[in-house]
Amino acid sequence: MDIINKLKEKVGSRQFLRFCIIGICAAAVHYGIYFFLQRLIDVNIAYTAGYLISFIGNFYATNYFTFQTLPTWKIIFTKQ
């Protein structure tokens, strides 16, 4: 319990929690899409499709929900 209280006291702990929630959701979306598509198409294509859809969703959700910024593709290709 002491660890949880220390995390709550930290400034970025809410942001970290949102980051973890988005990551878990992205993994669930990835494997959900993979699980569904593997029965319909080739396994490698299903895995790649799940990954790409999950990646794009994760990118937007992380920007909006975690960091509260507007997502742009420029962020991906620029060094910050």
PDB file of N, CA and C in Angstrom:
ATOM      1  N   MET A   1       0.820  -1.193   0.000  1.00  0.00           N
ATOM      2  CA  MET A   1       0.000   0.000   0.000  1.00  0.00           C
ATOM      3  C   MET A   1       0.861   1.252   0.000  1.00  0.00           C
ATOM      4  N   ASP A   2       2.007   1.177   0.600  1.00  0.00           N
ATOM      5  CA  ASP A   2       2.874   2.346   0.681  1.00  0.00           C
ATOM      6  C   ASP A   2       3.346   2.779  -0.702  1.00  0.00           C
ATOM      7  N   ILE A   3       3.575   1.825  -1.578  1.00  0.00           N
ATOM      8  CA  ILE A   3       4.017   2.142  -2.937  1.00  0.00           C
ATOM      9  C   ILE A   3       2.917   2.901  -3.685  1.00  0.00           C
ATOM     10  N   ILE A   4       1.666   2.475  -3.501  1.00  0.00           N
ATOM     11  CA  ILE A   4       0.550   3.154  -4.165  1.00  0.00           C
ATOM     12  C   ILE A   4       0.423   4.586  -3.669  1.00  0.00           C
ATOM     13  N   ASN A   5       0.586   4.794  -2.386  1.00  0.00           N
ATOM     14  CA  ASN A   5       0.510   6.153  -1.849  1.00  0.00           C
ATOM     15  C   ASN A   5       1.636   7.028  -2.372  1.00  0.00           C
ATOM     16  N   LYS A   6       2.815   6.474  -2.524  1.00  0.00           N
ATOM     17  CA  LYS A   6       3.937   7.239  -3.079  1.00  0.00           C
ATOM     18  C   LYS A   6       3.676   7.600  -4.539  1.00  0.00           C
ATOM     19  N   LEU A   7       3.086   6.663  -5.297  1.00  0.00           N
ATOM     20  CA  LEU A   7       2.759   6.966  -6.687  1.00  0.00           C
ATOM     21  C   LEU A   7       1.712   8.074  -6.796  1.00  0.00           C
ATOM     22  N   LYS A   8       0.740   8.055  -5.896  1.00  0.00           N
ATOM     23  CA  LYS A   8      -0.294   9.088  -5.914  1.00  0.00           C
ATOM     24  C   LYS A   8       0.282  10.466  -5.634  1.00  0.00           C
ATOM     25  N   GLU A   9       1.328  10.521  -4.822  1.00  0.00           N
ATOM     26  CA  GLU A   9       1.936  11.798  -4.465  1.00  0.00           C
ATOM     27  C   GLU A   9       2.756  12.384  -5.608  1.00  0.00           C
ATOM     28  N   LYS A  10       3.239  11.565  -6.484  1.00  0.00           N
ATOM     29  CA  LYS A  10       4.074  12.048  -7.581  1.00  0.00           C
ATOM     30  C   LYS A  10       3.231  12.829  -8.581  1.00  0.00           C
ATOM     31  N   VAL A  11       3.836  13.826  -9.202  1.00  0.00           N
ATOM     32  CA  VAL A  11       3.127  14.693 -10.134  1.00  0.00           C
ATOM     33  C   VAL A  11       2.644  13.938 -11.358  1.00  0.00           C
ATOM     34  N   GLY A  12       3.462  13.107 -11.934  1.00  0.00           N
ATOM     35  CA  GLY A  12       3.131  12.414 -13.168  1.00  0.00           C
ATOM     36  C   GLY A  12       2.446  11.078 -12.978  1.00  0.00           C
ATOM     37  N   SER A  13       2.041  10.731 -11.785  1.00  0.00           N
ATOM     38  CA  SER A  13       1.484   9.405 -11.563  1.00  0.00           C
ATOM     39  C   SER A  13       0.152   9.210 -12.279  1.00  0.00           C
ATOM     40  N   ARG A  14      -0.678  10.253 -12.374  1.00  0.00           N
ATOM     41  CA  ARG A  14      -1.942  10.127 -13.096  1.00  0.00           C
ATOM     42  C   ARG A  14      -1.659   9.941 -14.590  1.00  0.00           C
ATOM     43  N   GLN A  15      -0.662  10.644 -15.072  1.00  0.00           N
ATOM     44  CA  GLN A  15      -0.277  10.516 -16.473  1.00  0.00           C
ATOM     45  C   GLN A  15       0.263   9.108 -16.733  1.00  0.00           C
ATOM     46  N   PHE A  16       1.042   8.601 -15.810  1.00  0.00           N
ATOM     47  CA  PHE A  16       1.587   7.247 -15.948  1.00  0.00           C
ATOM     48  C   PHE A  16       0.464   6.215 -15.934  1.00  0.00           C
ATOM     49  N   LEU A  17      -0.518   6.398 -15.077  1.00  0.00           N
ATOM     50  CA  LEU A  17      -1.649   5.484 -15.015  1.00  0.00           C
ATOM     51  C   LEU A  17      -2.427   5.504 -16.323  1.00  0.00           C
ATOM     52  N   ARG A  18      -2.656   6.688 -16.879  1.00  0.00           N
ATOM     53  CA  ARG A  18      -3.336   6.792 -18.168  1.00  0.00           C
ATOM     54  C   ARG A  18      -2.510   6.122 -19.268  1.00  0.00           C
ATOM     55  N   PHE A  19      -1.190   6.286 -19.215  1.00  0.00           N
ATOM     56  CA  PHE A  19      -0.291   5.656 -20.182  1.00  0.00           C
ATOM     57  C   PHE A  19      -0.412   4.133 -20.111  1.00  0.00           C
ATOM     58  N   CYS A  20      -0.469   3.590 -18.910  1.00  0.00           N
ATOM     59  CA  CYS A  20      -0.602   2.138 -18.733  1.00  0.00           C
ATOM     60  C   CYS A  20      -1.954   1.636 -19.246  1.00  0.00           C
ATOM     61  N   ILE A  21      -3.017   2.387 -18.975  1.00  0.00           N
ATOM     62  CA  ILE A  21      -4.345   1.993 -19.441  1.00  0.00           C
ATOM     63  C   ILE A  21      -4.384   1.954 -20.967  1.00  0.00           C
ATOM     64  N   ILE A  22      -3.818   2.972 -21.600  1.00  0.00           N
ATOM     65  CA  ILE A  22      -3.781   3.009 -23.065  1.00  0.00           C
ATOM     66  C   ILE A  22      -2.966   1.836 -23.608  1.00  0.00           C
ATOM     67  N   GLY A  23      -1.847   1.525 -22.973  1.00  0.00           N
ATOM     68  CA  GLY A  23      -1.022   0.402 -23.422  1.00  0.00           C
ATOM     69  C   GLY A  23      -1.745  -0.929 -23.316  1.00  0.00           C
ATOM     70  N   ILE A  24      -2.466  -1.131 -22.245  1.00  0.00           N
ATOM     71  CA  ILE A  24      -3.231  -2.370 -22.065  1.00  0.00           C
ATOM     72  C   ILE A  24      -4.340  -2.459 -23.115  1.00  0.00           C
ATOM     73  N   CYS A  25      -5.024  -1.350 -23.344  1.00  0.00           N
ATOM     74  CA  CYS A  25      -6.090  -1.328 -24.361  1.00  0.00           C
ATOM     75  C   CYS A  25      -5.522  -1.591 -25.752  1.00  0.00           C
ATOM     76  N   ALA A  26      -4.369  -1.021 -26.053  1.00  0.00           N
ATOM     77  CA  ALA A  26      -3.745  -1.230 -27.366  1.00  0.00           C
ATOM     78  C   ALA A  26      -3.378  -2.701 -27.552  1.00  0.00           C
ATOM     79  N   ALA A  27      -2.856  -3.324 -26.510  1.00  0.00           N
ATOM     80  CA  ALA A  27      -2.510  -4.745 -26.598  1.00  0.00           C
ATOM     81  C   ALA A  27      -3.770  -5.588 -26.789  1.00  0.00           C
ATOM     82  N   ALA A  28      -4.839  -5.239 -26.091  1.00  0.00           N
ATOM     83  CA  ALA A  28      -6.095  -5.979 -26.226  1.00  0.00           C
ATOM     84  C   ALA A  28      -6.670  -5.832 -27.632  1.00  0.00           C
ATOM     85  N   VAL A  29      -6.608  -4.627 -28.185  1.00  0.00           N
ATOM     86  CA  VAL A  29      -7.094  -4.401 -29.550  1.00  0.00           C
ATOM     87  C   VAL A  29      -6.257  -5.194 -30.545  1.00  0.00           C
ATOM     88  N   HIS A  30      -4.947  -5.159 -30.367  1.00  0.00           N
ATOM     89  CA  HIS A  30      -4.053  -5.885 -31.272  1.00  0.00           C
ATOM     90  C   HIS A  30      -4.383  -7.374 -31.303  1.00  0.00           C
ATOM     91  N   TYR A  31      -4.440  -7.982 -30.149  1.00  0.00           N
ATOM     92  CA  TYR A  31      -4.676  -9.417 -30.119  1.00  0.00           C
ATOM     93  C   TYR A  31      -6.115  -9.777 -30.437  1.00  0.00           C
ATOM     94  N   GLY A  32      -7.063  -8.870 -30.163  1.00  0.00           N
ATOM     95  CA  GLY A  32      -8.448  -9.105 -30.552  1.00  0.00           C
ATOM     96  C   GLY A  32      -8.601  -9.141 -32.061  1.00  0.00           C
ATOM     97  N   ILE A  33      -7.999  -8.171 -32.728  1.00  0.00           N
ATOM     98  CA  ILE A  33      -8.044  -8.138 -34.190  1.00  0.00           C
ATOM     99  C   ILE A  33      -7.324  -9.349 -34.769  1.00  0.00           C
ATOM    100  N   TYR A  34      -6.174  -9.667 -34.207  1.00  0.00           N
ATOM    101  CA  TYR A  34      -5.409 -10.841 -34.665  1.00  0.00           C
ATOM    102  C   TYR A  34      -6.225 -12.117 -34.496  1.00  0.00           C
ATOM    103  N   PHE A  35      -6.832 -12.271 -33.344  1.00  0.00           N
ATOM    104  CA  PHE A  35      -7.615 -13.481 -33.065  1.00  0.00           C
ATOM    105  C   PHE A  35      -8.776 -13.616 -34.040  1.00  0.00           C
ATOM    106  N   PHE A  36      -9.452 -12.506 -34.326  1.00  0.00           N
ATOM    107  CA  PHE A  36     -10.578 -12.544 -35.238  1.00  0.00           C
ATOM    108  C   PHE A  36     -10.143 -12.803 -36.678  1.00  0.00           C
ATOM    109  N   LEU A  37      -9.112 -12.096 -37.133  1.00  0.00           N
ATOM    110  CA  LEU A  37      -8.697 -12.179 -38.531  1.00  0.00           C
ATOM    111  C   LEU A  37      -7.947 -13.459 -38.883  1.00  0.00           C
ATOM    112  N   GLN A  38      -7.308 -14.097 -37.905  1.00  0.00           N
ATOM    113  CA  GLN A  38      -6.528 -15.290 -38.228  1.00  0.00           C
ATOM    114  C   GLN A  38      -7.402 -16.422 -38.752  1.00  0.00           C
ATOM    115  N   ARG A  39      -8.673 -16.375 -38.464  1.00  0.00           N
ATOM    116  CA  ARG A  39      -9.584 -17.395 -38.964  1.00  0.00           C
ATOM    117  C   ARG A  39     -10.020 -17.105 -40.405  1.00  0.00           C
ATOM    118  N   LEU A  40      -9.826 -15.839 -40.824  1.00  0.00           N
ATOM    119  CA  LEU A  40     -10.299 -15.427 -42.140  1.00  0.00           C
ATOM    120  C   LEU A  40      -9.185 -15.301 -43.166  1.00  0.00           C
ATOM    121  N   ILE A  41      -8.007 -14.860 -42.720  1.00  0.00           N
ATOM    122  CA  ILE A  41      -6.896 -14.620 -43.644  1.00  0.00           C
ATOM    123  C   ILE A  41      -5.628 -15.237 -43.077  1.00  0.00           C
ATOM    124  N   ASP A  42      -4.533 -15.117 -43.812  1.00  0.00           N
ATOM    125  CA  ASP A  42      -3.238 -15.646 -43.386  1.00  0.00           C
ATOM    126  C   ASP A  42      -2.842 -15.068 -42.026  1.00  0.00           C
ATOM    127  N   VAL A  43      -2.231 -15.891 -41.197  1.00  0.00           N
ATOM    128  CA  VAL A  43      -1.869 -15.504 -39.835  1.00  0.00           C
ATOM    129  C   VAL A  43      -0.933 -14.295 -39.818  1.00  0.00           C
ATOM    130  N   ASN A  44       0.055 -14.259 -40.701  1.00  0.00           N
ATOM    131  CA  ASN A  44       1.004 -13.141 -40.712  1.00  0.00           C
ATOM    132  C   ASN A  44       0.334 -11.824 -41.094  1.00  0.00           C
ATOM    133  N   ILE A  45      -0.582 -11.890 -42.041  1.00  0.00           N
ATOM    134  CA  ILE A  45      -1.306 -10.679 -42.437  1.00  0.00           C
ATOM    135  C   ILE A  45      -2.229 -10.230 -41.306  1.00  0.00           C
ATOM    136  N   ALA A  46      -2.867 -11.176 -40.647  1.00  0.00           N
ATOM    137  CA  ALA A  46      -3.748 -10.852 -39.524  1.00  0.00           C
ATOM    138  C   ALA A  46      -2.960 -10.182 -38.395  1.00  0.00           C
ATOM    139  N   TYR A  47      -1.790 -10.704 -38.100  1.00  0.00           N
ATOM    140  CA  TYR A  47      -0.961 -10.129 -37.037  1.00  0.00           C
ATOM    141  C   TYR A  47      -0.518  -8.715 -37.410  1.00  0.00           C
ATOM    142  N   THR A  48      -0.100  -8.531 -38.648  1.00  0.00           N
ATOM    143  CA  THR A  48       0.347  -7.217 -39.106  1.00  0.00           C
ATOM    144  C   THR A  48      -0.799  -6.214 -39.095  1.00  0.00           C
ATOM    145  N   ALA A  49      -1.965  -6.630 -39.550  1.00  0.00           N
ATOM    146  CA  ALA A  49      -3.131  -5.742 -39.541  1.00  0.00           C
ATOM    147  C   ALA A  49      -3.494  -5.347 -38.113  1.00  0.00           C
ATOM    148  N   GLY A  50      -3.487  -6.300 -37.208  1.00  0.00           N
ATOM    149  CA  GLY A  50      -3.769  -6.001 -35.802  1.00  0.00           C
ATOM    150  C   GLY A  50      -2.760  -5.033 -35.223  1.00  0.00           C
ATOM    151  N   TYR A  51      -1.502  -5.236 -35.571  1.00  0.00           N
ATOM    152  CA  TYR A  51      -0.453  -4.358 -35.072  1.00  0.00           C
ATOM    153  C   TYR A  51      -0.624  -2.939 -35.597  1.00  0.00           C
ATOM    154  N   LEU A  52      -0.857  -2.797 -36.893  1.00  0.00           N
ATOM    155  CA  LEU A  52      -0.977  -1.464 -37.487  1.00  0.00           C
ATOM    156  C   LEU A  52      -2.187  -0.710 -36.942  1.00  0.00           C
ATOM    157  N   ILE A  53      -3.320  -1.373 -36.857  1.00  0.00           N
ATOM    158  CA  ILE A  53      -4.517  -0.724 -36.322  1.00  0.00           C
ATOM    159  C   ILE A  53      -4.316  -0.349 -34.868  1.00  0.00           C
ATOM    160  N   SER A  54      -3.721  -1.232 -34.103  1.00  0.00           N
ATOM    161  CA  SER A  54      -3.435  -0.959 -32.695  1.00  0.00           C
ATOM    162  C   SER A  54      -2.446   0.191 -32.538  1.00  0.00           C
ATOM    163  N   PHE A  55      -1.440   0.237 -33.398  1.00  0.00           N
ATOM    164  CA  PHE A  55      -0.424   1.286 -33.340  1.00  0.00           C
ATOM    165  C   PHE A  55      -1.040   2.659 -33.580  1.00  0.00           C
ATOM    166  N   ILE A  56      -1.870   2.749 -34.607  1.00  0.00           N
ATOM    167  CA  ILE A  56      -2.492   4.035 -34.928  1.00  0.00           C
ATOM    168  C   ILE A  56      -3.456   4.457 -33.815  1.00  0.00           C
ATOM    169  N   GLY A  57      -4.246   3.527 -33.330  1.00  0.00           N
ATOM    170  CA  GLY A  57      -5.151   3.838 -32.213  1.00  0.00           C
ATOM    171  C   GLY A  57      -4.403   4.235 -30.958  1.00  0.00           C
ATOM    172  N   ASN A  58      -3.305   3.550 -30.689  1.00  0.00           N
ATOM    173  CA  ASN A  58      -2.482   3.861 -29.526  1.00  0.00           C
ATOM    174  C   ASN A  58      -1.878   5.258 -29.644  1.00  0.00           C
ATOM    175  N   PHE A  59      -1.429   5.597 -30.835  1.00  0.00           N
ATOM    176  CA  PHE A  59      -0.845   6.916 -31.067  1.00  0.00           C
ATOM    177  C   PHE A  59      -1.844   8.024 -30.754  1.00  0.00           C
ATOM    178  N   TYR A  60      -3.041   7.906 -31.311  1.00  0.00           N
ATOM    179  CA  TYR A  60      -4.055   8.930 -31.082  1.00  0.00           C
ATOM    180  C   TYR A  60      -4.516   8.962 -29.624  1.00  0.00           C
ATOM    181  N   ALA A  61      -4.761   7.802 -29.041  1.00  0.00           N
ATOM    182  CA  ALA A  61      -5.231   7.751 -27.656  1.00  0.00           C
ATOM    183  C   ALA A  61      -4.177   8.278 -26.690  1.00  0.00           C
ATOM    184  N   THR A  62      -2.918   7.966 -26.936  1.00  0.00           N
ATOM    185  CA  THR A  62      -1.854   8.450 -26.063  1.00  0.00           C
ATOM    186  C   THR A  62      -1.755   9.968 -26.133  1.00  0.00           C
ATOM    187  N   ASN A  63      -1.873  10.511 -27.319  1.00  0.00           N
ATOM    188  CA  ASN A  63      -1.815  11.968 -27.448  1.00  0.00           C
ATOM    189  C   ASN A  63      -3.003  12.638 -26.778  1.00  0.00           C
ATOM    190  N   TYR A  64      -4.205  12.170 -27.083  1.00  0.00           N
ATOM    191  CA  TYR A  64      -5.405  12.797 -26.530  1.00  0.00           C
ATOM    192  C   TYR A  64      -5.556  12.555 -25.035  1.00  0.00           C
ATOM    193  N   PHE A  65      -5.509  11.295 -24.637  1.00  0.00           N
ATOM    194  CA  PHE A  65      -5.854  10.910 -23.269  1.00  0.00           C
ATOM    195  C   PHE A  65      -4.706  11.089 -22.288  1.00  0.00           C
ATOM    196  N   THR A  66      -3.516  10.681 -22.668  1.00  0.00           N
ATOM    197  CA  THR A  66      -2.394  10.719 -21.731  1.00  0.00           C
ATOM    198  C   THR A  66      -1.750  12.093 -21.659  1.00  0.00           C
ATOM    199  N   PHE A  67      -1.372  12.633 -22.801  1.00  0.00           N
ATOM    200  CA  PHE A  67      -0.617  13.878 -22.819  1.00  0.00           C
ATOM    201  C   PHE A  67      -1.467  15.103 -23.148  1.00  0.00           C
ATOM    202  N   GLN A  68      -2.732  14.906 -23.471  1.00  0.00           N
ATOM    203  CA  GLN A  68      -3.667  15.976 -23.808  1.00  0.00           C
ATOM    204  C   GLN A  68      -3.104  16.941 -24.849  1.00  0.00           C
ATOM    205  N   THR A  69      -2.609  16.374 -25.937  1.00  0.00           N
ATOM    206  CA  THR A  69      -2.108  17.164 -27.056  1.00  0.00           C
ATOM    207  C   THR A  69      -2.810  16.697 -28.324  1.00  0.00           C
ATOM    208  N   LEU A  70      -2.740  17.517 -29.334  1.00  0.00           N
ATOM    209  CA  LEU A  70      -3.300  17.126 -30.617  1.00  0.00           C
ATOM    210  C   LEU A  70      -2.290  16.261 -31.370  1.00  0.00           C
ATOM    211  N   PRO A  71      -2.700  15.087 -31.795  1.00  0.00           N
ATOM    212  CA  PRO A  71      -1.774  14.223 -32.520  1.00  0.00           C
ATOM    213  C   PRO A  71      -1.538  14.712 -33.941  1.00  0.00           C
ATOM    214  N   THR A  72      -0.284  14.733 -34.323  1.00  0.00           N
ATOM    215  CA  THR A  72       0.078  15.024 -35.705  1.00  0.00           C
ATOM    216  C   THR A  72       1.155  14.034 -36.114  1.00  0.00           C
ATOM    217  N   TRP A  73       1.206  13.723 -37.387  1.00  0.00           N
ATOM    218  CA  TRP A  73       2.211  12.785 -37.870  1.00  0.00           C
ATOM    219  C   TRP A  73       3.600  13.401 -37.822  1.00  0.00           C
ATOM    220  N   LYS A  74       3.673  14.711 -37.733  1.00  0.00           N
ATOM    221  CA  LYS A  74       4.965  15.383 -37.632  1.00  0.00           C
ATOM    222  C   LYS A  74       5.692  14.963 -36.353  1.00  0.00           C
ATOM    223  N   ILE A  75       4.949  14.674 -35.308  1.00  0.00           N
ATOM    224  CA  ILE A  75       5.547  14.254 -34.023  1.00  0.00           C
ATOM    225  C   ILE A  75       6.370  12.985 -34.212  1.00  0.00           C
ATOM    226  N   ILE A  76       5.869  12.072 -35.030  1.00  0.00           N
ATOM    227  CA  ILE A  76       6.554  10.786 -35.208  1.00  0.00           C
ATOM    228  C   ILE A  76       7.908  10.969 -35.885  1.00  0.00           C
ATOM    229  N   PHE A  77       7.968  11.862 -36.856  1.00  0.00           N
ATOM    230  CA  PHE A  77       9.156  11.969 -37.690  1.00  0.00           C
ATOM    231  C   PHE A  77      10.137  13.061 -37.249  1.00  0.00           C
ATOM    232  N   THR A  78       9.866  13.752 -36.157  1.00  0.00           N
ATOM    233  CA  THR A  78      10.790  14.780 -35.689  1.00  0.00           C
ATOM    234  C   THR A  78      11.428  14.341 -34.388  1.00  0.00           C
ATOM    235  N   LYS A  79      12.646  14.747 -34.215  1.00  0.00           N
ATOM    236  CA  LYS A  79      13.377  14.443 -32.995  1.00  0.00           C
ATOM    237  C   LYS A  79      13.116  15.556 -32.007  1.00  0.00           C
ATOM    238  N   GLN A  80      12.692  15.181 -30.804  1.00  0.00           N
ATOM    239  CA  GLN A  80      12.360  16.201 -29.809  1.00  0.00           C
ATOM    240  C   GLN A  80      13.383  16.245 -28.706  1.00  0.00           C
TER     241      GLN A  80
END
